[in-house]
């Protein structure tokens, strides 16, 4: 498996270089790679003779505009995929996904409120912060309400569905009462998920909670394997099933909240990617979680590239492309499961 991880990591790096190279202002991959290497301290002095020349304008476009968007896509795809893999394991349901615990709906409420009712004096980061806090609040509510009735995955799933429905109604009512069509359109644009305005500020906001949560989830993959065997089996090995289930879902929600608070709601990544990894490589979460992380990053980088290029000069939203790809795959998986 280590060889497979190394291959996927190399594929991810290649995809990042290609995605950073492509755009309306054509820049060769060699110039892109040169700009990326020059940005690493000490590399330029070592490889100066072998690096292609890069103008300040090219360097600014690559490092200041394209690279943050591509890095944000990779981080978001990785986070949503590993969160989806964890939720599918906890709920013992291969069709579970990150939004099922209300985290995406909570982020949507926070963001839509700021877009519709916020003033122009609010700083740009306030929307991201509000979406993140809304996502965490929804997660806490689901965990507390589920804890009242018990710790079973079915209880958490049902409470998450109810919270999603409630918050979805709040979002719809908020958009319907927007005092201008521009605000309503802005809210709908955010809800569809997009990376077009990505910046290094966005990356800095989400990178720490996303990486922290993902690393902890990788560390807890053996406990997740035990949970999938059943509560009795897990308890016999000394695992506190109630605490572990809430901890895993809380970390998965943290990762999801970090991603969607910046990008908006990008659907199907956390559903399709871990499901395919499970079909190809089995149900061992020691393998599924890192594979989902890498494949998810590759998938969203390529999906965002398609969003930029498919109907150029018209730019599709990244969430629209993932829905176009994910919906048919989901229908196929459901049909295959029914057979």
Protein backbone atom coordinates (compact mmCIF):
# COMPACT_ATOMS: atom_id res chain seq x y z
CA UNK A 1 0.00 0.00 0.00
CA UNK A 2 2.90 2.37 0.61
CA UNK A 3 3.75 2.19 -3.08
CA UNK A 4 0.15 3.07 -3.94
CA UNK A 5 0.23 6.03 -1.52
CA UNK A 6 3.46 7.24 -3.13
CA UNK A 7 1.98 6.91 -6.63
CA UNK A 8 -1.16 8.84 -5.65
CA UNK A 9 0.94 11.54 -3.98
CA UNK A 10 2.98 11.93 -7.20
CA UNK A 11 -0.24 12.06 -9.26
CA UNK A 12 -1.53 14.78 -6.95
CA UNK A 13 1.63 16.85 -7.41
CA UNK A 14 1.40 16.46 -11.20
CA UNK A 15 -2.27 17.48 -11.14
CA UNK A 16 -1.42 20.56 -9.07
CA UNK A 17 1.29 21.62 -11.54
CA UNK A 18 -1.00 21.03 -14.55
CA UNK A 19 -3.96 22.83 -12.94
CA UNK A 20 -1.72 25.78 -12.05
CA UNK A 21 -0.38 25.92 -15.61
CA UNK A 22 -3.73 25.98 -17.39
CA UNK A 23 -5.78 29.13 -17.79
CA UNK A 24 -6.74 31.94 -20.19
CA UNK A 25 -3.16 33.25 -20.04
CA UNK A 26 -1.27 30.22 -21.24
CA UNK A 27 1.86 29.48 -19.23
CA UNK A 28 3.90 26.39 -19.99
CA UNK A 29 4.18 23.71 -17.35
CA UNK A 30 7.96 24.20 -17.26
CA UNK A 31 7.53 27.89 -16.40
CA UNK A 32 4.90 26.97 -13.80
CA UNK A 33 7.17 24.38 -12.23
CA UNK A 34 10.02 26.88 -12.28
CA UNK A 35 7.89 29.51 -10.49
CA UNK A 36 6.80 26.97 -7.88
CA UNK A 37 10.38 25.82 -7.23
CA UNK A 38 11.69 29.37 -7.05
CA UNK A 39 9.16 30.05 -4.28
CA UNK A 40 10.85 27.43 -2.09
CA UNK A 41 13.66 29.01 -0.03
CA UNK A 42 17.12 27.88 -1.16
CA UNK A 43 15.99 26.04 -4.28
CA UNK A 44 16.63 28.88 -6.73
CA UNK A 45 20.29 29.16 -5.74
CA UNK A 46 20.79 25.41 -6.17
CA UNK A 47 18.92 24.95 -9.45
CA UNK A 48 19.23 28.40 -11.04
CA UNK A 49 20.85 27.03 -14.20
CA UNK A 50 18.12 24.44 -14.76
CA UNK A 51 15.04 26.58 -14.06
CA UNK A 52 13.12 28.22 -16.88
CA UNK A 53 12.99 32.04 -16.75
CA UNK A 54 9.83 33.46 -15.20
CA UNK A 55 8.66 37.07 -15.48
CA UNK A 56 7.25 38.90 -12.43
CA UNK A 57 3.81 38.94 -14.08
CA UNK A 58 3.89 35.17 -14.62
CA UNK A 59 5.10 34.57 -11.09
CA UNK A 60 2.35 36.78 -9.66
CA UNK A 61 -0.34 34.98 -11.67
CA UNK A 62 0.91 31.52 -10.74
CA UNK A 63 1.65 32.10 -7.06
CA UNK A 64 -0.96 34.72 -6.23
CA UNK A 65 -4.00 33.67 -8.27
CA UNK A 66 -3.87 30.10 -9.53
CA UNK A 67 -1.90 28.28 -6.83
CA UNK A 68 -4.15 29.25 -3.88
CA UNK A 69 -7.20 28.06 -5.83
CA UNK A 70 -5.58 24.73 -6.64
CA UNK A 71 -4.29 24.23 -3.08
CA UNK A 72 -7.74 25.08 -1.71
CA UNK A 73 -9.29 22.52 -4.05
CA UNK A 74 -6.82 19.84 -2.93
CA UNK A 75 -7.36 20.54 0.78
CA UNK A 76 -11.14 20.67 0.42
CA UNK A 77 -11.30 17.45 -1.59
CA UNK A 78 -9.06 15.68 0.91
CA UNK A 79 -11.04 16.92 3.91
CA UNK A 80 -14.49 16.13 2.54
CA UNK A 81 -13.39 12.68 1.39
CA UNK A 82 -11.82 11.59 4.68
CA UNK A 83 -14.83 12.97 6.57
CA UNK A 84 -17.14 11.02 4.29
CA UNK A 85 -15.16 7.82 4.80
CA UNK A 86 -15.40 8.21 8.58
CA UNK A 87 -19.13 8.89 8.51
CA UNK A 88 -19.78 5.89 6.28
CA UNK A 89 -17.87 3.76 8.76
CA UNK A 90 -19.59 5.14 11.87
CA UNK A 91 -23.09 4.89 10.40
CA UNK A 92 -22.33 1.54 8.70
CA UNK A 93 -23.92 3.06 5.62
CA UNK A 94 -22.00 3.45 2.39
CA UNK A 95 -24.33 6.27 1.29
CA UNK A 96 -23.59 8.53 4.27
CA UNK A 97 -21.72 11.78 3.57
CA UNK A 98 -20.34 14.81 5.45
CA UNK A 99 -23.51 16.89 5.24
CA UNK A 100 -25.61 14.25 6.99
CA UNK A 101 -24.86 15.55 10.49
CA UNK A 102 -26.06 19.06 9.69
CA UNK A 103 -22.60 20.60 9.37
CA UNK A 104 -23.11 21.88 5.81
CA UNK A 105 -26.57 23.21 6.62
CA UNK A 106 -25.19 25.01 9.69
CA UNK A 107 -22.50 26.65 7.58
CA UNK A 108 -25.13 27.63 5.03
CA UNK A 109 -27.25 29.38 7.67
CA UNK A 110 -24.29 31.42 8.91
CA UNK A 111 -23.12 32.39 5.43
CA UNK A 112 -26.56 33.19 4.02
CA UNK A 113 -27.40 35.40 7.01
CA UNK A 114 -24.24 37.44 6.42
CA UNK A 115 -24.84 37.68 2.65
CA UNK A 116 -28.50 38.69 2.95
CA UNK A 117 -28.52 40.82 6.09
CA UNK A 118 -24.87 41.85 6.48
CA UNK A 119 -23.73 45.33 5.60
CA UNK A 120 -20.98 46.35 3.20
CA UNK A 121 -18.87 47.40 6.17
CA UNK A 122 -18.27 43.80 7.24
CA UNK A 123 -14.76 42.47 6.48
CA UNK A 124 -14.47 39.62 3.92
CA UNK A 125 -13.34 37.10 6.52
CA UNK A 126 -16.51 37.61 8.58
CA UNK A 127 -18.57 35.42 6.23
CA UNK A 128 -16.07 32.57 6.53
CA UNK A 129 -15.98 32.88 10.33
CA UNK A 130 -19.78 32.94 10.57
CA UNK A 131 -20.12 29.89 8.32
CA UNK A 132 -17.54 28.01 10.39
CA UNK A 133 -19.29 28.86 13.66
CA UNK A 134 -22.65 27.89 12.19
CA UNK A 135 -21.27 24.53 11.12
CA UNK A 136 -19.81 23.84 14.55
CA UNK A 137 -23.04 24.92 16.28
CA UNK A 138 -25.07 22.50 14.15
CA UNK A 139 -22.62 19.72 14.93
CA UNK A 140 -22.84 20.35 18.67
CA UNK A 141 -26.63 20.40 18.48
CA UNK A 142 -26.73 17.05 16.68
CA UNK A 143 -24.30 15.48 19.15
CA UNK A 144 -26.24 16.74 22.18
CA UNK A 145 -29.66 15.76 20.87
CA UNK A 146 -28.44 12.32 19.82
CA UNK A 147 -26.79 11.85 23.21
CA UNK A 148 -30.16 12.33 24.93
CA UNK A 149 -31.59 9.25 23.23
CA UNK A 150 -28.50 7.11 22.97
CA UNK A 151 -25.28 6.73 21.07
CA UNK A 152 -26.28 4.48 18.18
CA UNK A 153 -25.39 5.53 14.66
CA UNK A 154 -29.05 5.36 13.59
CA UNK A 155 -29.99 7.93 16.25
CA UNK A 156 -27.26 10.33 15.10
CA UNK A 157 -28.33 9.86 11.49
CA UNK A 158 -31.99 10.61 12.20
CA UNK A 159 -31.16 13.67 14.32
CA UNK A 160 -28.83 14.91 11.57
CA UNK A 161 -31.58 14.55 8.95
CA UNK A 162 -34.01 16.50 11.16
CA UNK A 163 -31.46 19.28 11.78
CA UNK A 164 -30.71 19.44 8.06
CA UNK A 165 -34.40 19.86 7.24
CA UNK A 166 -34.84 22.58 9.88
CA UNK A 167 -31.78 24.56 8.83
CA UNK A 168 -32.65 24.14 5.16
CA UNK A 169 -35.99 25.80 5.85
CA UNK A 170 -34.19 28.65 7.61
CA UNK A 171 -31.91 29.14 4.61
CA UNK A 172 -34.84 29.14 2.17
CA UNK A 173 -36.80 31.64 4.26
CA UNK A 174 -33.76 33.91 4.56
CA UNK A 175 -33.14 33.96 0.81
CA UNK A 176 -36.84 34.53 0.10
CA UNK A 177 -36.77 37.65 2.28
CA UNK A 178 -33.64 39.17 0.76
CA UNK A 179 -34.22 42.84 -0.04
CA UNK A 180 -32.46 42.63 -3.40
CA UNK A 181 -32.01 40.09 -6.17
CA UNK A 182 -28.22 40.55 -5.97
CA UNK A 183 -28.15 39.31 -2.37
CA UNK A 184 -30.38 36.34 -3.19
CA UNK A 185 -28.17 35.49 -6.16
CA UNK A 186 -25.04 35.81 -4.02
CA UNK A 187 -26.51 33.43 -1.44
CA UNK A 188 -27.44 30.87 -4.10
CA UNK A 189 -23.96 31.18 -5.62
CA UNK A 190 -22.37 30.40 -2.24
CA UNK A 191 -24.70 27.43 -1.67
CA UNK A 192 -23.53 25.82 -4.93
CA UNK A 193 -19.87 25.85 -3.86
CA UNK A 194 -17.13 27.62 -5.75
CA UNK A 195 -13.39 28.26 -5.68
CA UNK A 196 -13.16 31.16 -8.12
CA UNK A 197 -12.32 33.80 -5.52
CA UNK A 198 -9.82 31.66 -3.61
CA UNK A 199 -6.92 33.41 -1.94
CA UNK A 200 -4.12 32.59 0.47
CA UNK A 201 -6.27 34.10 3.21
CA UNK A 202 -8.89 31.41 2.56
CA UNK A 203 -6.24 28.71 2.69
CA UNK A 204 -4.84 30.04 5.96
CA UNK A 205 -8.30 30.07 7.55
CA UNK A 206 -9.09 26.42 6.89
CA UNK A 207 -5.73 24.67 6.74
CA UNK A 208 -5.05 24.27 10.49
CA UNK A 209 -8.42 22.78 11.60
CA UNK A 210 -8.58 20.64 8.47
CA UNK A 211 -5.12 19.14 8.83
CA UNK A 212 -5.47 18.76 12.61
CA UNK A 213 -8.79 16.95 12.27
CA UNK A 214 -7.60 14.75 9.39
CA UNK A 215 -4.47 13.64 11.26
CA UNK A 216 -6.51 12.69 14.32
CA UNK A 217 -8.93 10.72 12.14
CA UNK A 218 -6.04 8.82 10.57
CA UNK A 219 -4.72 8.07 14.05
CA UNK A 220 -8.14 6.75 15.16
CA UNK A 221 -8.66 4.49 12.14
CA UNK A 222 -8.09 1.26 14.19
CA UNK A 223 -10.87 2.29 16.59
CA UNK A 224 -13.13 3.01 13.61
CA UNK A 225 -12.46 -0.53 12.36
CA UNK A 226 -13.58 -1.89 15.74
CA UNK A 227 -16.77 0.18 15.67
CA UNK A 228 -17.73 -1.32 12.32
CA UNK A 229 -17.63 -4.80 13.93
CA UNK A 230 -20.40 -3.82 16.34
CA UNK A 231 -20.65 -2.27 19.79
CA UNK A 232 -20.30 -5.59 21.62
CA UNK A 233 -17.07 -6.48 19.82
CA UNK A 234 -15.63 -2.96 20.25
CA UNK A 235 -16.54 -2.84 23.95
CA UNK A 236 -14.88 -6.20 24.57
CA UNK A 237 -11.59 -4.72 23.35
CA UNK A 238 -11.85 -1.76 25.75
CA UNK A 239 -13.26 0.88 23.39
CA UNK A 240 -15.81 3.31 24.81
CA UNK A 241 -18.17 3.12 21.83
CA UNK A 242 -20.30 6.12 22.77
CA UNK A 243 -17.33 8.42 23.32
CA UNK A 244 -15.48 7.15 20.25
CA UNK A 245 -18.50 7.53 17.98
CA UNK A 246 -19.06 11.13 19.06
CA UNK A 247 -15.33 11.90 18.84
CA UNK A 248 -15.04 10.55 15.30
CA UNK A 249 -18.13 12.38 14.10
CA UNK A 250 -17.03 15.56 15.85
CA UNK A 251 -13.64 15.48 14.13
CA UNK A 252 -15.24 14.69 10.78
CA UNK A 253 -17.60 17.63 11.28
CA UNK A 254 -14.66 19.90 12.19
CA UNK A 255 -12.88 18.97 8.95
CA UNK A 256 -16.07 19.49 6.93
CA UNK A 257 -16.78 22.81 8.63
CA UNK A 258 -13.27 24.08 7.83
CA UNK A 259 -13.77 23.22 4.16
CA UNK A 260 -17.33 24.41 3.49
CA UNK A 261 -16.92 27.63 5.46
CA UNK A 262 -14.49 28.79 2.76
CA UNK A 263 -15.72 27.11 -0.42
CA UNK A 264 -19.45 26.82 0.13
CA UNK A 265 -21.26 23.51 -0.12
CA UNK A 266 -19.52 21.16 -2.58
CA UNK A 267 -21.58 18.01 -2.84
CA UNK A 268 -20.85 14.36 -3.67
CA UNK A 269 -17.08 14.46 -3.02
CA UNK A 270 -17.44 13.00 0.47
CA UNK A 271 -19.94 10.46 -0.78
CA UNK A 272 -18.51 9.11 -4.01
CA UNK A 273 -14.75 9.11 -3.36
CA UNK A 274 -14.70 7.01 -0.14
CA UNK A 275 -17.36 4.69 -1.55
CA UNK A 276 -15.24 3.95 -4.62
CA UNK A 277 -12.12 3.49 -2.46
CA UNK A 278 -14.03 1.00 -0.32
CA UNK A 279 -15.21 -0.93 -3.37
CA UNK A 280 -11.69 -1.16 -4.77
CA UNK A 281 -9.60 -1.70 -1.63
CA UNK A 282 -11.88 -3.26 0.98
CA UNK A 283 -13.30 -2.02 4.27
CA UNK A 284 -10.12 -1.60 6.34
CA UNK A 285 -10.14 2.05 7.41
CA UNK A 286 -6.37 2.06 7.91
CA UNK A 287 -6.26 1.96 4.11
CA UNK A 288 -9.55 3.68 3.25
CA UNK A 289 -8.86 6.94 5.11
CA UNK A 290 -5.48 7.81 3.55
CA UNK A 291 -6.67 6.62 0.14
CA UNK A 292 -9.82 8.74 0.39
CA UNK A 293 -7.71 11.73 1.40
CA UNK A 294 -5.39 11.44 -1.61
CA UNK A 295 -8.03 10.48 -4.18
CA UNK A 296 -10.37 13.22 -2.93
CA UNK A 297 -7.66 15.84 -3.35
CA UNK A 298 -6.93 14.66 -6.91
CA UNK A 299 -10.63 14.48 -7.77
CA UNK A 300 -11.47 18.03 -6.70
CA UNK A 301 -8.36 19.54 -8.32
CA UNK A 302 -9.41 17.94 -11.62
CA UNK A 303 -13.08 18.86 -11.12
CA UNK A 304 -12.12 22.49 -10.54
CA UNK A 305 -9.94 22.38 -13.67
CA UNK A 306 -12.94 21.11 -15.65
CA UNK A 307 -15.06 23.90 -14.16
CA UNK A 308 -12.60 26.47 -15.47
CA UNK A 309 -12.11 25.01 -18.95
CA UNK A 310 -15.23 23.09 -20.01
CA UNK A 311 -17.29 26.05 -21.29
CA UNK A 312 -14.55 28.70 -21.49
CA UNK A 313 -14.97 31.69 -21.34
CA UNK A 314 -18.01 30.75 -19.21
CA UNK A 315 -16.76 29.44 -15.84
CA UNK A 316 -18.86 26.81 -14.09
CA UNK A 317 -19.01 26.57 -10.32
CA UNK A 318 -16.93 23.75 -8.88
CA UNK A 319 -19.92 22.40 -6.94
CA UNK A 320 -21.89 22.18 -10.18
CA UNK A 321 -19.21 20.03 -11.81
CA UNK A 322 -18.97 17.67 -8.82
CA UNK A 323 -22.75 17.28 -8.93
CA UNK A 324 -22.66 16.51 -12.66
CA UNK A 325 -20.05 13.83 -12.01
CA UNK A 326 -21.27 12.57 -8.64
CA UNK A 327 -24.99 12.20 -9.34
CA UNK A 328 -24.60 9.60 -12.14
CA UNK A 329 -21.99 7.73 -10.10
CA UNK A 330 -24.34 7.69 -7.11
CA UNK A 331 -27.20 6.38 -9.24
CA UNK A 332 -24.92 3.63 -10.54
CA UNK A 333 -23.84 2.70 -7.02
CA UNK A 334 -27.46 2.57 -5.80
CA UNK A 335 -28.46 0.41 -8.76
CA UNK A 336 -25.49 -1.86 -8.20
CA UNK A 337 -26.36 -2.18 -4.52
CA UNK A 338 -29.98 -3.01 -5.37
CA UNK A 339 -28.86 -5.79 -7.72
